[in-house]
């Protein structure tokens, strides 16, 4: 964990050799990560090696926002449901949990593009990371296209 300076630079002191993945949290509203690379090679999903050159992080500032509620078949709210926003072209899904009122929100910017959106109750942490499980669940999800700076509210059935 490290803070980014106003000029965009950051430093990760005391990092041991090995392969790491990079995650960016706390981005300003509407911002999202386009790419993280080292020596011209993507390291967004893993493969970052300290000492092998600078990291280049490219952000987009035209992200969409998405929120809504998760409801059961009888219109009761579903707390603690997992909401998966899965890019149609592949890539890492975005995941949030519904709160005690069934509300969910993808707080940071979502890259414009095509997605499948699905809500699932009782999804275990390991299942959220399992590509086969996410692909199977996304197949039953709602198709969704998000445009730059778009704000959508979508209620989901669990």
N, C-alpha and C. Protein backbone atom coordinates (compact mmCIF):
# COMPACT_ATOMS: atom_id res chain seq x y z
N UNK A 1 0.85 -1.17 0.00
CA UNK A 1 0.00 0.00 0.00
C UNK A 1 0.89 1.23 0.00
N UNK A 2 0.60 2.16 -0.90
CA UNK A 2 1.35 3.41 -0.94
C UNK A 2 0.48 4.51 -1.54
N UNK A 3 0.79 5.74 -1.19
CA UNK A 3 0.04 6.89 -1.71
C UNK A 3 0.70 7.38 -3.00
N UNK A 4 -0.11 7.94 -3.86
CA UNK A 4 0.38 8.52 -5.11
C UNK A 4 0.58 10.02 -4.90
N UNK A 5 1.72 10.52 -5.33
CA UNK A 5 2.04 11.94 -5.20
C UNK A 5 1.22 12.75 -6.22
N UNK A 6 1.06 14.05 -5.99
CA UNK A 6 0.30 14.89 -6.93
C UNK A 6 0.81 14.84 -8.37
N UNK A 7 2.11 14.57 -8.55
CA UNK A 7 2.66 14.51 -9.92
C UNK A 7 2.48 13.13 -10.56
N UNK A 8 1.83 12.20 -9.83
CA UNK A 8 1.58 10.87 -10.38
C UNK A 8 2.60 9.82 -10.01
N UNK A 9 3.68 10.21 -9.37
CA UNK A 9 4.71 9.24 -8.97
C UNK A 9 4.33 8.56 -7.67
N UNK A 10 4.81 7.33 -7.51
CA UNK A 10 4.65 6.61 -6.27
C UNK A 10 5.86 5.71 -6.07
N UNK A 11 6.09 5.32 -4.82
CA UNK A 11 7.25 4.50 -4.49
C UNK A 11 6.79 3.35 -3.60
N UNK A 12 7.26 2.15 -3.90
CA UNK A 12 6.97 0.98 -3.09
C UNK A 12 8.28 0.53 -2.43
N UNK A 13 8.58 1.05 -1.24
CA UNK A 13 9.85 0.69 -0.60
C UNK A 13 9.79 -0.70 0.02
N UNK A 14 10.92 -1.32 0.16
CA UNK A 14 11.07 -2.59 0.87
C UNK A 14 10.22 -3.71 0.28
N UNK A 15 10.27 -3.87 -1.01
CA UNK A 15 9.54 -4.94 -1.68
C UNK A 15 10.55 -6.03 -2.04
N UNK A 16 10.25 -7.26 -1.67
CA UNK A 16 11.14 -8.38 -1.94
C UNK A 16 10.96 -8.87 -3.36
N UNK A 17 11.99 -9.49 -3.92
CA UNK A 17 11.91 -10.07 -5.26
C UNK A 17 10.79 -11.10 -5.31
N UNK A 18 10.14 -11.20 -6.43
CA UNK A 18 9.04 -12.15 -6.64
C UNK A 18 8.07 -11.57 -7.63
N UNK A 19 7.05 -12.32 -7.94
CA UNK A 19 6.00 -11.85 -8.84
C UNK A 19 4.84 -11.31 -8.01
N UNK A 20 4.33 -10.16 -8.42
CA UNK A 20 3.24 -9.51 -7.72
C UNK A 20 2.17 -9.07 -8.72
N UNK A 21 0.95 -8.94 -8.23
CA UNK A 21 -0.13 -8.31 -8.98
C UNK A 21 -0.30 -6.91 -8.41
N UNK A 22 -0.86 -6.01 -9.20
CA UNK A 22 -1.07 -4.63 -8.76
C UNK A 22 -2.56 -4.36 -8.74
N UNK A 23 -3.01 -3.75 -7.65
CA UNK A 23 -4.41 -3.35 -7.52
C UNK A 23 -4.46 -1.89 -7.16
N UNK A 24 -5.34 -1.15 -7.81
CA UNK A 24 -5.48 0.28 -7.54
C UNK A 24 -6.83 0.51 -6.85
N UNK A 25 -6.80 1.07 -5.65
CA UNK A 25 -8.01 1.39 -4.90
C UNK A 25 -8.05 2.89 -4.64
N UNK A 26 -9.23 3.39 -4.33
CA UNK A 26 -9.36 4.78 -3.93
C UNK A 26 -9.20 5.77 -5.06
N UNK A 27 -9.51 5.33 -6.27
CA UNK A 27 -9.41 6.25 -7.41
C UNK A 27 -10.50 7.31 -7.32
N UNK A 28 -10.26 8.49 -7.85
CA UNK A 28 -11.30 9.52 -7.86
C UNK A 28 -12.53 9.04 -8.64
N UNK A 29 -13.67 9.61 -8.32
CA UNK A 29 -14.91 9.25 -9.00
C UNK A 29 -14.75 9.34 -10.51
N UNK A 30 -15.24 8.33 -11.20
CA UNK A 30 -15.19 8.31 -12.65
C UNK A 30 -13.91 7.77 -13.25
N UNK A 31 -12.89 7.52 -12.43
CA UNK A 31 -11.61 7.01 -12.92
C UNK A 31 -11.56 5.49 -12.83
N UNK A 32 -10.86 4.87 -13.74
CA UNK A 32 -10.68 3.43 -13.75
C UNK A 32 -9.31 3.12 -14.36
N UNK A 33 -8.82 1.92 -14.09
CA UNK A 33 -7.51 1.50 -14.60
C UNK A 33 -7.70 0.95 -16.01
N UNK A 34 -6.98 1.55 -16.97
CA UNK A 34 -6.96 1.03 -18.33
C UNK A 34 -5.90 -0.05 -18.44
N UNK A 35 -4.70 0.23 -17.94
CA UNK A 35 -3.60 -0.73 -18.06
C UNK A 35 -2.54 -0.46 -17.00
N UNK A 36 -1.87 -1.52 -16.59
CA UNK A 36 -0.69 -1.44 -15.74
C UNK A 36 0.37 -2.26 -16.46
N UNK A 37 1.50 -1.63 -16.77
CA UNK A 37 2.54 -2.35 -17.54
C UNK A 37 3.92 -2.08 -16.96
N UNK A 38 4.81 -3.00 -17.27
CA UNK A 38 6.21 -2.89 -16.90
C UNK A 38 7.01 -3.35 -18.11
N UNK A 39 7.90 -2.51 -18.59
CA UNK A 39 8.71 -2.80 -19.78
C UNK A 39 7.82 -3.17 -20.97
N UNK A 40 6.68 -2.47 -21.11
CA UNK A 40 5.78 -2.68 -22.24
C UNK A 40 4.93 -3.94 -22.16
N UNK A 41 4.95 -4.64 -21.02
CA UNK A 41 4.20 -5.88 -20.85
C UNK A 41 3.16 -5.68 -19.75
N UNK A 42 1.92 -6.11 -20.02
CA UNK A 42 0.85 -5.97 -19.03
C UNK A 42 1.16 -6.77 -17.78
N UNK A 43 1.01 -6.13 -16.63
CA UNK A 43 1.17 -6.81 -15.35
C UNK A 43 -0.06 -6.58 -14.46
N UNK A 44 -1.15 -6.22 -15.09
CA UNK A 44 -2.37 -5.93 -14.34
C UNK A 44 -2.85 -7.13 -13.54
N UNK A 45 -2.77 -8.31 -14.10
CA UNK A 45 -3.26 -9.52 -13.43
C UNK A 45 -2.13 -10.36 -12.83
N UNK A 46 -0.95 -9.82 -12.76
CA UNK A 46 0.17 -10.54 -12.16
C UNK A 46 1.40 -10.44 -13.03
N UNK A 47 2.54 -10.73 -12.44
CA UNK A 47 3.78 -10.73 -13.19
C UNK A 47 4.67 -9.52 -12.96
N UNK A 48 4.26 -8.60 -12.09
CA UNK A 48 5.10 -7.44 -11.76
C UNK A 48 6.28 -7.93 -10.94
N UNK A 49 7.48 -7.53 -11.35
CA UNK A 49 8.70 -7.92 -10.64
C UNK A 49 9.46 -6.66 -10.23
N UNK A 50 9.61 -6.42 -8.93
CA UNK A 50 10.38 -5.27 -8.47
C UNK A 50 11.80 -5.31 -9.04
N UNK A 51 12.30 -4.15 -9.43
CA UNK A 51 13.64 -4.06 -9.96
C UNK A 51 13.74 -4.27 -11.45
N UNK A 52 12.63 -4.58 -12.11
CA UNK A 52 12.63 -4.81 -13.57
C UNK A 52 12.12 -3.60 -14.34
N UNK A 53 12.22 -2.42 -13.79
CA UNK A 53 11.78 -1.22 -14.48
C UNK A 53 10.55 -0.61 -13.84
N UNK A 54 10.26 0.60 -14.27
CA UNK A 54 9.13 1.34 -13.73
C UNK A 54 7.80 0.71 -14.12
N UNK A 55 6.81 0.91 -13.27
CA UNK A 55 5.43 0.56 -13.59
C UNK A 55 4.80 1.76 -14.29
N UNK A 56 4.05 1.50 -15.31
CA UNK A 56 3.29 2.54 -15.98
C UNK A 56 1.81 2.24 -15.74
N UNK A 57 1.10 3.17 -15.13
CA UNK A 57 -0.31 3.00 -14.85
C UNK A 57 -1.07 4.00 -15.69
N UNK A 58 -1.97 3.51 -16.52
CA UNK A 58 -2.79 4.37 -17.36
C UNK A 58 -4.22 4.35 -16.84
N UNK A 59 -4.74 5.55 -16.52
CA UNK A 59 -6.09 5.68 -16.01
C UNK A 59 -7.00 6.31 -17.05
N UNK A 60 -8.26 5.93 -17.01
CA UNK A 60 -9.29 6.60 -17.80
C UNK A 60 -10.12 7.45 -16.85
N UNK A 61 -10.63 8.56 -17.33
CA UNK A 61 -11.40 9.47 -16.47
C UNK A 61 -12.85 9.59 -16.91
N UNK A 62 -13.30 8.69 -17.80
CA UNK A 62 -14.66 8.80 -18.34
C UNK A 62 -15.51 7.60 -17.94
N UNK A 63 -15.26 7.07 -16.75
CA UNK A 63 -15.94 5.85 -16.30
C UNK A 63 -17.43 6.03 -16.07
N UNK A 64 -18.12 4.93 -16.22
CA UNK A 64 -19.56 4.87 -15.96
C UNK A 64 -19.78 4.52 -14.49
N UNK A 65 -20.99 4.75 -14.00
CA UNK A 65 -21.34 4.31 -12.65
C UNK A 65 -22.58 3.43 -12.73
N UNK A 66 -22.67 2.50 -11.80
CA UNK A 66 -23.74 1.51 -11.82
C UNK A 66 -24.17 1.23 -10.39
N UNK A 67 -25.48 1.24 -10.15
CA UNK A 67 -25.99 0.95 -8.81
C UNK A 67 -27.38 0.35 -8.96
N UNK A 68 -27.93 -0.09 -7.86
CA UNK A 68 -29.27 -0.66 -7.86
C UNK A 68 -29.52 -1.45 -6.60
N UNK A 69 -30.50 -2.35 -6.67
CA UNK A 69 -30.83 -3.22 -5.54
C UNK A 69 -30.92 -4.66 -6.04
N UNK A 70 -30.70 -5.59 -5.12
CA UNK A 70 -30.88 -7.01 -5.41
C UNK A 70 -32.14 -7.45 -4.70
N UNK A 71 -33.05 -8.03 -5.49
CA UNK A 71 -34.36 -8.44 -4.98
C UNK A 71 -34.59 -9.93 -5.24
N UNK A 72 -35.39 -10.55 -4.37
CA UNK A 72 -35.78 -11.94 -4.57
C UNK A 72 -37.00 -11.98 -5.49
N UNK A 73 -37.46 -13.17 -5.82
CA UNK A 73 -38.62 -13.34 -6.71
C UNK A 73 -39.87 -12.70 -6.13
N UNK A 74 -39.95 -12.60 -4.79
CA UNK A 74 -41.13 -11.98 -4.17
C UNK A 74 -40.87 -10.53 -3.74
N UNK A 75 -39.89 -9.89 -4.37
CA UNK A 75 -39.55 -8.48 -4.17
C UNK A 75 -38.96 -8.15 -2.80
N UNK A 76 -38.51 -9.15 -2.06
CA UNK A 76 -37.80 -8.89 -0.81
C UNK A 76 -36.35 -8.53 -1.14
N UNK A 77 -35.74 -7.65 -0.34
CA UNK A 77 -34.35 -7.29 -0.58
C UNK A 77 -33.45 -8.47 -0.23
N UNK A 78 -32.34 -8.57 -0.94
CA UNK A 78 -31.37 -9.65 -0.71
C UNK A 78 -30.07 -9.02 -0.20
N UNK A 79 -29.83 -9.10 1.12
CA UNK A 79 -28.58 -8.56 1.65
C UNK A 79 -27.41 -9.49 1.37
N UNK A 80 -26.23 -8.92 1.31
CA UNK A 80 -24.98 -9.68 1.17
C UNK A 80 -24.89 -10.54 -0.09
N UNK A 81 -25.60 -10.17 -1.13
CA UNK A 81 -25.47 -10.87 -2.41
C UNK A 81 -24.21 -10.39 -3.11
N UNK A 82 -23.61 -11.24 -3.91
CA UNK A 82 -22.45 -10.87 -4.71
C UNK A 82 -22.94 -10.42 -6.08
N UNK A 83 -22.51 -9.26 -6.51
CA UNK A 83 -22.86 -8.75 -7.84
C UNK A 83 -21.59 -8.81 -8.67
N UNK A 84 -21.67 -9.50 -9.81
CA UNK A 84 -20.55 -9.65 -10.73
C UNK A 84 -20.83 -8.84 -11.98
N UNK A 85 -19.89 -8.01 -12.36
CA UNK A 85 -19.94 -7.26 -13.61
C UNK A 85 -18.78 -7.80 -14.45
N UNK A 86 -19.11 -8.65 -15.43
CA UNK A 86 -18.11 -9.42 -16.16
C UNK A 86 -17.94 -8.86 -17.57
N UNK A 87 -16.74 -8.41 -17.93
CA UNK A 87 -16.51 -7.89 -19.29
C UNK A 87 -16.82 -8.97 -20.33
N UNK A 88 -17.59 -8.61 -21.36
CA UNK A 88 -17.97 -9.57 -22.39
C UNK A 88 -16.78 -10.11 -23.15
N UNK A 89 -15.75 -9.31 -23.34
CA UNK A 89 -14.57 -9.74 -24.09
C UNK A 89 -13.55 -10.46 -23.23
N UNK A 90 -13.88 -10.80 -22.02
CA UNK A 90 -12.94 -11.44 -21.11
C UNK A 90 -12.28 -10.40 -20.24
N UNK A 91 -11.58 -10.84 -19.26
CA UNK A 91 -10.93 -9.94 -18.32
C UNK A 91 -11.46 -10.16 -16.93
N UNK A 92 -10.88 -9.45 -16.00
CA UNK A 92 -11.22 -9.61 -14.59
C UNK A 92 -12.60 -9.01 -14.31
N UNK A 93 -13.49 -9.79 -13.67
CA UNK A 93 -14.79 -9.24 -13.32
C UNK A 93 -14.68 -8.25 -12.17
N UNK A 94 -15.56 -7.28 -12.14
CA UNK A 94 -15.68 -6.37 -11.01
C UNK A 94 -16.72 -6.99 -10.07
N UNK A 95 -16.48 -6.89 -8.78
CA UNK A 95 -17.34 -7.54 -7.80
C UNK A 95 -17.64 -6.59 -6.66
N UNK A 96 -18.92 -6.52 -6.25
CA UNK A 96 -19.33 -5.80 -5.04
C UNK A 96 -20.35 -6.66 -4.31
N UNK A 97 -20.62 -6.29 -3.06
CA UNK A 97 -21.63 -6.96 -2.25
C UNK A 97 -22.80 -6.01 -2.03
N UNK A 98 -24.01 -6.56 -1.98
CA UNK A 98 -25.15 -5.73 -1.61
C UNK A 98 -25.13 -5.52 -0.10
N UNK A 99 -25.65 -4.37 0.33
CA UNK A 99 -25.68 -4.08 1.77
C UNK A 99 -26.93 -4.70 2.39
N UNK A 100 -27.22 -4.35 3.63
CA UNK A 100 -28.36 -4.95 4.34
C UNK A 100 -29.71 -4.54 3.76
N UNK A 101 -29.74 -3.50 2.93
CA UNK A 101 -30.99 -3.08 2.27
C UNK A 101 -31.06 -3.61 0.84
N UNK A 102 -30.08 -4.46 0.46
CA UNK A 102 -30.04 -5.01 -0.89
C UNK A 102 -29.40 -4.09 -1.91
N UNK A 103 -28.94 -2.90 -1.47
CA UNK A 103 -28.36 -1.93 -2.40
C UNK A 103 -26.92 -2.31 -2.75
N UNK A 104 -26.55 -2.03 -4.00
CA UNK A 104 -25.17 -2.21 -4.44
C UNK A 104 -24.75 -1.00 -5.24
N UNK A 105 -23.43 -0.81 -5.34
CA UNK A 105 -22.89 0.30 -6.12
C UNK A 105 -21.46 -0.02 -6.51
N UNK A 106 -21.18 0.13 -7.79
CA UNK A 106 -19.80 0.09 -8.24
C UNK A 106 -19.30 1.52 -8.10
N UNK A 107 -18.59 1.78 -6.99
CA UNK A 107 -18.26 3.14 -6.57
C UNK A 107 -17.22 3.81 -7.46
N UNK A 108 -16.19 3.09 -7.85
CA UNK A 108 -15.20 3.72 -8.71
C UNK A 108 -15.67 3.59 -10.16
N UNK A 109 -15.04 4.31 -11.04
CA UNK A 109 -15.45 4.30 -12.43
C UNK A 109 -15.35 2.92 -13.06
N UNK A 110 -16.31 2.62 -13.89
CA UNK A 110 -16.32 1.37 -14.64
C UNK A 110 -15.97 1.71 -16.09
N UNK A 111 -15.03 0.99 -16.65
CA UNK A 111 -14.62 1.25 -18.03
C UNK A 111 -15.81 1.10 -18.97
N UNK A 112 -16.00 2.03 -19.91
CA UNK A 112 -17.06 1.86 -20.90
C UNK A 112 -16.86 0.55 -21.65
N UNK A 113 -17.96 -0.12 -21.96
CA UNK A 113 -17.85 -1.38 -22.68
C UNK A 113 -19.06 -2.27 -22.47
N UNK A 114 -18.96 -3.50 -22.97
CA UNK A 114 -20.04 -4.47 -22.86
C UNK A 114 -19.74 -5.45 -21.73
N UNK A 115 -20.79 -5.75 -20.96
CA UNK A 115 -20.66 -6.58 -19.78
C UNK A 115 -21.85 -7.54 -19.68
N UNK A 116 -21.70 -8.48 -18.75
CA UNK A 116 -22.81 -9.30 -18.27
C UNK A 116 -22.88 -9.03 -16.77
N UNK A 117 -24.09 -8.78 -16.28
CA UNK A 117 -24.32 -8.39 -14.89
C UNK A 117 -25.20 -9.45 -14.23
N UNK A 118 -24.76 -9.95 -13.08
CA UNK A 118 -25.51 -10.99 -12.39
C UNK A 118 -25.34 -10.83 -10.88
N UNK A 119 -26.41 -11.17 -10.14
CA UNK A 119 -26.36 -11.17 -8.67
C UNK A 119 -26.55 -12.60 -8.19
N UNK A 120 -25.75 -12.99 -7.19
CA UNK A 120 -25.78 -14.35 -6.67
C UNK A 120 -25.71 -14.29 -5.15
N UNK A 121 -26.65 -14.97 -4.48
CA UNK A 121 -26.59 -15.07 -3.02
C UNK A 121 -25.68 -16.24 -2.65
N UNK A 122 -25.03 -16.16 -1.52
CA UNK A 122 -24.23 -17.26 -0.97
C UNK A 122 -23.08 -17.70 -1.85
N UNK A 123 -22.44 -16.79 -2.53
CA UNK A 123 -21.27 -17.13 -3.35
C UNK A 123 -20.03 -17.03 -2.46
N UNK A 124 -19.28 -18.11 -2.38
CA UNK A 124 -18.09 -18.13 -1.54
C UNK A 124 -16.95 -17.33 -2.18
N UNK A 125 -16.03 -16.85 -1.35
CA UNK A 125 -14.91 -16.04 -1.83
C UNK A 125 -14.12 -16.77 -2.91
N UNK A 126 -13.83 -18.03 -2.71
CA UNK A 126 -13.08 -18.80 -3.70
C UNK A 126 -13.80 -18.92 -5.03
N UNK A 127 -15.12 -18.98 -4.99
CA UNK A 127 -15.91 -19.06 -6.22
C UNK A 127 -15.84 -17.75 -7.01
N UNK A 128 -15.72 -16.63 -6.31
CA UNK A 128 -15.61 -15.32 -6.98
C UNK A 128 -14.34 -15.23 -7.81
N UNK A 129 -13.32 -15.96 -7.41
CA UNK A 129 -12.04 -15.94 -8.10
C UNK A 129 -11.91 -17.04 -9.14
N UNK A 130 -12.84 -17.99 -9.16
CA UNK A 130 -12.76 -19.13 -10.06
C UNK A 130 -13.34 -18.76 -11.43
N UNK A 131 -12.50 -18.77 -12.45
CA UNK A 131 -12.90 -18.35 -13.79
C UNK A 131 -14.08 -19.17 -14.32
N UNK A 132 -14.06 -20.47 -14.14
CA UNK A 132 -15.15 -21.33 -14.64
C UNK A 132 -16.48 -20.99 -13.98
N UNK A 133 -16.46 -20.75 -12.66
CA UNK A 133 -17.68 -20.40 -11.94
C UNK A 133 -18.21 -19.06 -12.40
N UNK A 134 -17.32 -18.06 -12.50
CA UNK A 134 -17.74 -16.72 -12.95
C UNK A 134 -18.31 -16.78 -14.36
N UNK A 135 -17.67 -17.52 -15.26
CA UNK A 135 -18.15 -17.65 -16.65
C UNK A 135 -19.54 -18.29 -16.68
N UNK A 136 -19.73 -19.34 -15.89
CA UNK A 136 -21.03 -20.03 -15.84
C UNK A 136 -22.12 -19.09 -15.32
N UNK A 137 -21.83 -18.37 -14.25
CA UNK A 137 -22.81 -17.44 -13.68
C UNK A 137 -23.10 -16.28 -14.63
N UNK A 138 -22.07 -15.77 -15.28
CA UNK A 138 -22.25 -14.63 -16.20
C UNK A 138 -23.12 -15.01 -17.39
N UNK A 139 -23.07 -16.27 -17.81
CA UNK A 139 -23.88 -16.70 -18.95
C UNK A 139 -25.37 -16.48 -18.70
N UNK A 140 -25.79 -16.54 -17.44
CA UNK A 140 -27.19 -16.31 -17.08
C UNK A 140 -27.47 -14.85 -16.75
N UNK A 141 -26.46 -14.01 -16.82
CA UNK A 141 -26.62 -12.62 -16.44
C UNK A 141 -27.22 -11.76 -17.54
N UNK A 142 -27.50 -10.53 -17.16
CA UNK A 142 -28.06 -9.53 -18.07
C UNK A 142 -26.96 -8.93 -18.93
N UNK A 143 -27.22 -8.82 -20.23
CA UNK A 143 -26.29 -8.11 -21.11
C UNK A 143 -26.42 -6.62 -20.87
N UNK A 144 -25.29 -5.94 -20.87
CA UNK A 144 -25.28 -4.53 -20.51
C UNK A 144 -24.17 -3.82 -21.27
N UNK A 145 -24.48 -2.69 -21.85
CA UNK A 145 -23.47 -1.85 -22.49
C UNK A 145 -23.43 -0.52 -21.75
N UNK A 146 -22.25 -0.16 -21.26
CA UNK A 146 -22.07 1.09 -20.54
C UNK A 146 -21.27 2.06 -21.39
N UNK A 147 -21.77 3.26 -21.52
CA UNK A 147 -21.09 4.31 -22.28
C UNK A 147 -20.27 5.18 -21.34
N UNK A 148 -19.37 5.95 -21.90
CA UNK A 148 -18.55 6.87 -21.12
C UNK A 148 -19.44 7.82 -20.33
N UNK A 149 -19.10 7.99 -19.05
CA UNK A 149 -19.77 8.91 -18.13
C UNK A 149 -21.25 8.59 -17.89
N UNK A 150 -21.69 7.43 -18.30
CA UNK A 150 -23.09 7.03 -18.10
C UNK A 150 -23.31 6.64 -16.65
N UNK A 151 -24.50 6.96 -16.13
CA UNK A 151 -24.89 6.56 -14.79
C UNK A 151 -26.17 5.74 -14.91
N UNK A 152 -26.13 4.48 -14.45
CA UNK A 152 -27.30 3.59 -14.58
C UNK A 152 -27.70 3.05 -13.23
N UNK A 153 -28.99 2.86 -13.07
CA UNK A 153 -29.55 2.18 -11.90
C UNK A 153 -30.29 0.96 -12.42
N UNK A 154 -29.87 -0.22 -11.95
CA UNK A 154 -30.47 -1.47 -12.41
C UNK A 154 -30.74 -2.35 -11.19
N UNK A 155 -32.00 -2.69 -10.99
CA UNK A 155 -32.36 -3.65 -9.95
C UNK A 155 -32.23 -5.05 -10.53
N UNK A 156 -31.67 -5.95 -9.74
CA UNK A 156 -31.39 -7.32 -10.18
C UNK A 156 -32.22 -8.32 -9.39
N UNK A 157 -32.57 -9.41 -10.04
CA UNK A 157 -33.22 -10.54 -9.37
C UNK A 157 -32.15 -11.57 -9.08
N UNK A 158 -32.15 -12.04 -7.87
CA UNK A 158 -31.16 -13.04 -7.45
C UNK A 158 -31.65 -14.41 -7.84
